[in-house]
PDB file of N, CA and C in Angstrom:
ATOM      1  N   MET A   1      14.385 -17.710   6.003  1.00  0.00           N
ATOM      2  CA  MET A   1      13.423 -17.821   5.337  1.00  0.00           C
ATOM      3  C   MET A   1      12.227 -16.659   5.237  1.00  0.00           C
ATOM      4  N   VAL A   2      12.093 -16.010   6.318  1.00  0.00           N
ATOM      5  CA  VAL A   2      11.377 -14.724   6.455  1.00  0.00           C
ATOM      6  C   VAL A   2      11.895 -13.599   5.676  1.00  0.00           C
ATOM      7  N   GLU A   3      13.365 -13.479   5.890  1.00  0.00           N
ATOM      8  CA  GLU A   3      13.953 -12.351   5.289  1.00  0.00           C
ATOM      9  C   GLU A   3      13.836 -12.441   3.815  1.00  0.00           C
ATOM     10  N   LEU A   4      14.058 -13.600   3.217  1.00  0.00           N
ATOM     11  CA  LEU A   4      13.924 -13.922   1.904  1.00  0.00           C
ATOM     12  C   LEU A   4      12.420 -13.722   1.254  1.00  0.00           C
ATOM     13  N   VAL A   5      11.431 -14.212   2.018  1.00  0.00           N
ATOM     14  CA  VAL A   5       9.963 -13.683   1.672  1.00  0.00           C
ATOM     15  C   VAL A   5       9.677 -12.220   1.419  1.00  0.00           C
ATOM     16  N   PHE A   6      10.345 -11.650   2.402  1.00  0.00           N
ATOM     17  CA  PHE A   6      10.145  -9.944   2.596  1.00  0.00           C
ATOM     18  C   PHE A   6      11.115  -9.531   1.385  1.00  0.00           C
ATOM     19  N   SER A   7      12.059  -9.876   1.244  1.00  0.00           N
ATOM     20  CA  SER A   7      12.839  -9.429   0.071  1.00  0.00           C
ATOM     21  C   SER A   7      12.419  -9.573  -1.382  1.00  0.00           C
ATOM     22  N   ILE A   8      11.481 -10.793  -1.732  1.00  0.00           N
ATOM     23  CA  ILE A   8      11.029 -10.570  -2.834  1.00  0.00           C
ATOM     24  C   ILE A   8       9.600  -9.866  -2.901  1.00  0.00           C
ATOM     25  N   LEU A   9       9.063  -9.758  -1.673  1.00  0.00           N
ATOM     26  CA  LEU A   9       7.898  -8.681  -1.613  1.00  0.00           C
ATOM     27  C   LEU A   9       8.288  -7.543  -2.076  1.00  0.00           C
ATOM     28  N   LYS A  10       9.265  -6.930  -1.444  1.00  0.00           N
ATOM     29  CA  LYS A  10       9.644  -5.555  -1.664  1.00  0.00           C
ATOM     30  C   LYS A  10      10.344  -5.492  -3.117  1.00  0.00           C
ATOM     31  N   ASP A  11      10.958  -6.409  -3.660  1.00  0.00           N
ATOM     32  CA  ASP A  11      11.364  -6.335  -5.037  1.00  0.00           C
ATOM     33  C   ASP A  11      10.163  -6.210  -6.024  1.00  0.00           C
ATOM     34  N   THR A  12       9.294  -7.239  -5.621  1.00  0.00           N
ATOM     35  CA  THR A  12       8.160  -7.122  -6.708  1.00  0.00           C
ATOM     36  C   THR A  12       7.126  -6.039  -6.573  1.00  0.00           C
ATOM     37  N   LEU A  13       7.142  -5.347  -5.390  1.00  0.00           N
ATOM     38  CA  LEU A  13       6.150  -4.070  -5.151  1.00  0.00           C
ATOM     39  C   LEU A  13       7.252  -2.946  -5.851  1.00  0.00           C
ATOM     40  N   GLU A  14       8.469  -3.000  -5.566  1.00  0.00           N
ATOM     41  CA  GLU A  14       9.078  -1.917  -6.206  1.00  0.00           C
ATOM     42  C   GLU A  14       9.016  -1.690  -7.859  1.00  0.00           C
ATOM     43  N   GLN A  15       8.808  -2.992  -8.439  1.00  0.00           N
ATOM     44  CA  GLN A  15       8.618  -3.125  -9.988  1.00  0.00           C
ATOM     45  C   GLN A  15       7.188  -2.663 -10.421  1.00  0.00           C
ATOM     46  N   GLY A  16       6.260  -2.361  -9.364  1.00  0.00           N
ATOM     47  CA  GLY A  16       5.236  -2.070  -9.553  1.00  0.00           C
ATOM     48  C   GLY A  16       3.916  -3.315  -9.625  1.00  0.00           C
ATOM     49  N   GLU A  17       4.460  -4.346  -9.425  1.00  0.00           N
ATOM     50  CA  GLU A  17       3.704  -5.749  -9.594  1.00  0.00           C
ATOM     51  C   GLU A  17       2.730  -5.651  -8.338  1.00  0.00           C
ATOM     52  N   GLU A  18       1.659  -6.319  -8.600  1.00  0.00           N
ATOM     53  CA  GLU A  18       0.726  -6.805  -7.200  1.00  0.00           C
ATOM     54  C   GLU A  18       1.428  -7.942  -6.749  1.00  0.00           C
ATOM     55  N   VAL A  19       1.189  -8.395  -5.437  1.00  0.00           N
ATOM     56  CA  VAL A  19       1.517  -9.719  -4.814  1.00  0.00           C
ATOM     57  C   VAL A  19       0.285  -9.794  -3.921  1.00  0.00           C
ATOM     58  N   LYS A  20      -0.061 -11.353  -4.643  1.00  0.00           N
ATOM     59  CA  LYS A  20      -1.335 -11.811  -4.050  1.00  0.00           C
ATOM     60  C   LYS A  20      -0.945 -12.913  -3.327  1.00  0.00           C
ATOM     61  N   MET A  21      -1.346 -13.171  -1.959  1.00  0.00           N
ATOM     62  CA  MET A  21      -1.090 -14.162  -1.075  1.00  0.00           C
ATOM     63  C   MET A  21      -2.428 -15.064  -0.655  1.00  0.00           C
ATOM     64  N   SER A  22      -2.587 -16.002  -1.153  1.00  0.00           N
ATOM     65  CA  SER A  22      -3.711 -16.985  -0.860  1.00  0.00           C
ATOM     66  C   SER A  22      -4.075 -17.143   0.621  1.00  0.00           C
ATOM     67  N   GLY A  23      -4.891 -16.675   0.864  1.00  0.00           N
ATOM     68  CA  GLY A  23      -5.773 -16.854   2.326  1.00  0.00           C
ATOM     69  C   GLY A  23      -5.231 -15.754   3.125  1.00  0.00           C
ATOM     70  N   PHE A  24      -4.727 -14.933   2.470  1.00  0.00           N
ATOM     71  CA  PHE A  24      -4.070 -13.629   3.217  1.00  0.00           C
ATOM     72  C   PHE A  24      -4.513 -12.444   2.796  1.00  0.00           C
ATOM     73  N   GLY A  25      -4.040 -12.006   1.665  1.00  0.00           N
ATOM     74  CA  GLY A  25      -4.503 -10.776   0.859  1.00  0.00           C
ATOM     75  C   GLY A  25      -3.702 -10.371  -0.220  1.00  0.00           C
ATOM     76  N   LYS A  26      -4.008  -9.242  -0.843  1.00  0.00           N
ATOM     77  CA  LYS A  26      -3.172  -8.860  -2.070  1.00  0.00           C
ATOM     78  C   LYS A  26      -2.727  -7.131  -1.630  1.00  0.00           C
ATOM     79  N   PHE A  27      -1.419  -7.072  -1.980  1.00  0.00           N
ATOM     80  CA  PHE A  27      -0.692  -5.756  -1.801  1.00  0.00           C
ATOM     81  C   PHE A  27      -0.388  -5.344  -3.142  1.00  0.00           C
ATOM     82  N   THR A  28      -0.932  -4.135  -3.505  1.00  0.00           N
ATOM     83  CA  THR A  28      -0.699  -3.355  -4.610  1.00  0.00           C
ATOM     84  C   THR A  28       0.043  -2.100  -4.381  1.00  0.00           C
ATOM     85  N   VAL A  29       0.541  -1.242  -5.569  1.00  0.00           N
ATOM     86  CA  VAL A  29       1.186  -0.116  -5.336  1.00  0.00           C
ATOM     87  C   VAL A  29       0.306   0.859  -6.314  1.00  0.00           C
ATOM     88  N   LYS A  30      -0.166   1.980  -5.983  1.00  0.00           N
ATOM     89  CA  LYS A  30      -0.852   2.779  -6.616  1.00  0.00           C
ATOM     90  C   LYS A  30      -0.332   4.353  -6.597  1.00  0.00           C
ATOM     91  N   GLU A  31      -0.676   4.636  -7.835  1.00  0.00           N
ATOM     92  CA  GLU A  31      -0.065   6.137  -8.050  1.00  0.00           C
ATOM     93  C   GLU A  31      -0.933   7.082  -8.013  1.00  0.00           C
ATOM     94  N   LYS A  32      -0.457   8.057  -7.009  1.00  0.00           N
ATOM     95  CA  LYS A  32      -1.261   9.282  -6.824  1.00  0.00           C
ATOM     96  C   LYS A  32      -0.790  10.442  -7.438  1.00  0.00           C
ATOM     97  N   ASN A  33      -1.755  11.209  -8.047  1.00  0.00           N
ATOM     98  CA  ASN A  33      -1.326  12.564  -8.721  1.00  0.00           C
ATOM     99  C   ASN A  33      -0.856  13.527  -7.531  1.00  0.00           C
ATOM    100  N   SER A  34      -0.410  14.848  -8.101  1.00  0.00           N
ATOM    101  CA  SER A  34       0.055  15.794  -7.215  1.00  0.00           C
ATOM    102  C   SER A  34      -1.399  16.347  -6.925  1.00  0.00           C
ATOM    103  N   ARG A  35      -1.835  17.182  -6.151  1.00  0.00           N
ATOM    104  CA  ARG A  35      -2.873  17.783  -5.697  1.00  0.00           C
ATOM    105  C   ARG A  35      -2.637  18.962  -5.066  1.00  0.00           C
ATOM    106  N   ASN A  36      -3.468  19.845  -4.834  1.00  0.00           N
ATOM    107  CA  ASN A  36      -3.367  21.023  -4.228  1.00  0.00           C
ATOM    108  C   ASN A  36      -4.072  20.757  -2.653  1.00  0.00           C
ATOM    109  N   GLY A  37      -3.253  20.971  -1.537  1.00  0.00           N
ATOM    110  CA  GLY A  37      -3.830  20.855  -0.148  1.00  0.00           C
ATOM    111  C   GLY A  37      -3.392  22.162   0.769  1.00  0.00           C
ATOM    112  N   ARG A  38      -3.528  21.754   2.127  1.00  0.00           N
ATOM    113  CA  ARG A  38      -3.514  22.935   3.020  1.00  0.00           C
ATOM    114  C   ARG A  38      -2.569  22.233   4.270  1.00  0.00           C
ATOM    115  N   ASN A  39      -1.685  22.945   4.571  1.00  0.00           N
ATOM    116  CA  ASN A  39      -1.246  22.686   5.918  1.00  0.00           C
ATOM    117  C   ASN A  39      -2.188  22.852   7.142  1.00  0.00           C
ATOM    118  N   PRO A  40      -2.474  21.926   7.877  1.00  0.00           N
ATOM    119  CA  PRO A  40      -3.204  21.935   8.807  1.00  0.00           C
ATOM    120  C   PRO A  40      -2.993  22.873   9.956  1.00  0.00           C
ATOM    121  N   VAL A  41      -1.775  22.917  10.364  1.00  0.00           N
ATOM    122  CA  VAL A  41      -1.518  23.825  11.402  1.00  0.00           C
ATOM    123  C   VAL A  41      -1.430  25.487  11.058  1.00  0.00           C
ATOM    124  N   THR A  42      -0.738  25.688  10.024  1.00  0.00           N
ATOM    125  CA  THR A  42      -0.700  26.934   9.457  1.00  0.00           C
ATOM    126  C   THR A  42      -1.609  27.590   8.557  1.00  0.00           C
ATOM    127  N   GLY A  43      -2.656  26.395   8.203  1.00  0.00           N
ATOM    128  CA  GLY A  43      -3.515  27.039   6.931  1.00  0.00           C
ATOM    129  C   GLY A  43      -2.760  27.123   5.589  1.00  0.00           C
ATOM    130  N   GLU A  44      -1.730  27.230   5.516  1.00  0.00           N
ATOM    131  CA  GLU A  44      -1.009  27.696   4.251  1.00  0.00           C
ATOM    132  C   GLU A  44      -1.264  26.655   3.003  1.00  0.00           C
ATOM    133  N   ALA A  45      -1.601  27.265   1.872  1.00  0.00           N
ATOM    134  CA  ALA A  45      -1.681  26.399   0.607  1.00  0.00           C
ATOM    135  C   ALA A  45      -0.502  25.868   0.355  1.00  0.00           C
ATOM    136  N   MET A  46      -0.513  24.636  -0.062  1.00  0.00           N
ATOM    137  CA  MET A  46       0.685  23.783  -0.534  1.00  0.00           C
ATOM    138  C   MET A  46       0.340  22.807  -1.826  1.00  0.00           C
ATOM    139  N   THR A  47       1.161  22.370  -2.245  1.00  0.00           N
ATOM    140  CA  THR A  47       1.220  21.482  -3.345  1.00  0.00           C
ATOM    141  C   THR A  47       1.586  20.120  -2.656  1.00  0.00           C
ATOM    142  N   ILE A  48       0.870  18.915  -2.718  1.00  0.00           N
ATOM    143  CA  ILE A  48       1.122  17.771  -2.466  1.00  0.00           C
ATOM    144  C   ILE A  48       1.525  16.791  -3.627  1.00  0.00           C
ATOM    145  N   GLU A  49       2.994  16.326  -3.627  1.00  0.00           N
ATOM    146  CA  GLU A  49       3.930  15.690  -4.498  1.00  0.00           C
ATOM    147  C   GLU A  49       3.029  14.539  -5.152  1.00  0.00           C
ATOM    148  N   ALA A  50       3.105  14.383  -6.380  1.00  0.00           N
ATOM    149  CA  ALA A  50       2.880  12.719  -6.821  1.00  0.00           C
ATOM    150  C   ALA A  50       3.611  11.685  -6.285  1.00  0.00           C
ATOM    151  N   ARG A  51       2.952  10.546  -5.897  1.00  0.00           N
ATOM    152  CA  ARG A  51       3.785   9.498  -4.976  1.00  0.00           C
ATOM    153  C   ARG A  51       3.179   8.225  -5.523  1.00  0.00           C
ATOM    154  N   ARG A  52       3.931   7.129  -5.143  1.00  0.00           N
ATOM    155  CA  ARG A  52       3.378   5.949  -5.068  1.00  0.00           C
ATOM    156  C   ARG A  52       2.882   5.565  -3.815  1.00  0.00           C
ATOM    157  N   ILE A  53       1.930   4.724  -3.751  1.00  0.00           N
ATOM    158  CA  ILE A  53       1.645   4.313  -2.143  1.00  0.00           C
ATOM    159  C   ILE A  53       1.361   2.787  -2.110  1.00  0.00           C
ATOM    160  N   LEU A  54       1.497   2.173  -1.215  1.00  0.00           N
ATOM    161  CA  LEU A  54       1.179   0.692  -0.984  1.00  0.00           C
ATOM    162  C   LEU A  54      -0.315   0.470  -0.401  1.00  0.00           C
ATOM    163  N   THR A  55      -1.072  -0.443  -0.874  1.00  0.00           N
ATOM    164  CA  THR A  55      -2.091  -0.673  -0.246  1.00  0.00           C
ATOM    165  C   THR A  55      -2.140  -2.353   0.035  1.00  0.00           C
ATOM    166  N   PHE A  56      -3.072  -2.808   0.839  1.00  0.00           N
ATOM    167  CA  PHE A  56      -3.186  -3.896   1.306  1.00  0.00           C
ATOM    168  C   PHE A  56      -4.715  -4.064   1.379  1.00  0.00           C
ATOM    169  N   LYS A  57      -5.407  -5.411   0.798  1.00  0.00           N
ATOM    170  CA  LYS A  57      -6.735  -5.859   1.040  1.00  0.00           C
ATOM    171  C   LYS A  57      -6.723  -7.135   1.249  1.00  0.00           C
ATOM    172  N   PRO A  58      -7.008  -7.367   2.648  1.00  0.00           N
ATOM    173  CA  PRO A  58      -7.251  -8.469   3.252  1.00  0.00           C
ATOM    174  C   PRO A  58      -8.149  -9.422   2.280  1.00  0.00           C
ATOM    175  N   SER A  59      -7.792 -10.761   2.414  1.00  0.00           N
ATOM    176  CA  SER A  59      -8.741 -11.824   1.922  1.00  0.00           C
ATOM    177  C   SER A  59     -10.071 -11.954   2.285  1.00  0.00           C
ATOM    178  N   ALA A  60     -11.036 -12.470   2.051  1.00  0.00           N
ATOM    179  CA  ALA A  60     -12.367 -12.891   2.806  1.00  0.00           C
ATOM    180  C   ALA A  60     -11.840 -13.855   4.046  1.00  0.00           C
ATOM    181  N   CYS A  61     -10.959 -14.922   3.664  1.00  0.00           N
ATOM    182  CA  CYS A  61     -10.816 -15.563   4.677  1.00  0.00           C
ATOM    183  C   CYS A  61     -10.085 -15.159   6.082  1.00  0.00           C
ATOM    184  N   LEU A  62      -9.023 -14.114   5.551  1.00  0.00           N
ATOM    185  CA  LEU A  62      -8.493 -13.351   6.733  1.00  0.00           C
ATOM    186  C   LEU A  62      -9.425 -12.634   7.765  1.00  0.00           C
ATOM    187  N   LYS A  63     -10.443 -11.928   6.691  1.00  0.00           N
ATOM    188  CA  LYS A  63     -11.566 -11.222   7.439  1.00  0.00           C
ATOM    189  C   LYS A  63     -12.297 -11.914   8.256  1.00  0.00           C
ATOM    190  N   GLU A  64     -12.532 -13.113   7.883  1.00  0.00           N
ATOM    191  CA  GLU A  64     -13.564 -14.037   8.337  1.00  0.00           C
ATOM    192  C   GLU A  64     -12.883 -14.617   9.881  1.00  0.00           C
ATOM    193  N   ARG A  65     -11.470 -15.014   9.783  1.00  0.00           N
ATOM    194  CA  ARG A  65     -10.850 -15.373  11.226  1.00  0.00           C
ATOM    195  C   ARG A  65     -10.703 -14.334  12.014  1.00  0.00           C
ATOM    196  N   ILE A  66     -10.707 -13.036  11.705  1.00  0.00           N
ATOM    197  CA  ILE A  66     -10.406 -12.226  12.369  1.00  0.00           C
ATOM    198  C   ILE A  66     -11.803 -11.635  13.246  1.00  0.00           C
ATOM    199  N   ASN A  67     -12.648 -11.804  12.549  1.00  0.00           N
ATOM    200  CA  ASN A  67     -13.859 -11.571  13.158  1.00  0.00           C
ATOM    201  C   ASN A  67     -14.810 -12.475  13.651  1.00  0.00           C
ATOM    202  N   SER A  68     -14.213 -13.576  13.749  1.00  0.00           N
ATOM    203  CA  SER A  68     -14.883 -14.713  14.359  1.00  0.00           C
ATOM    204  C   SER A  68     -14.346 -15.006  15.824  1.00  0.00           C
TER     205      SER A  68
END
């Protein structure tokens, strides 16, 4: 059952849709544009490629339970 839930979660996020779990939180995929950056070790300038990132925002219920 857990594997099925994770499979559905991954498939939905791959399609760029958000997943909202009542009482738990919301997973969303955001697009980040390419940008100029710097290698922290060498100081060399470089371009950071555009990419998609996964974000999670916990629900108020979850935050409350964690902090109480």
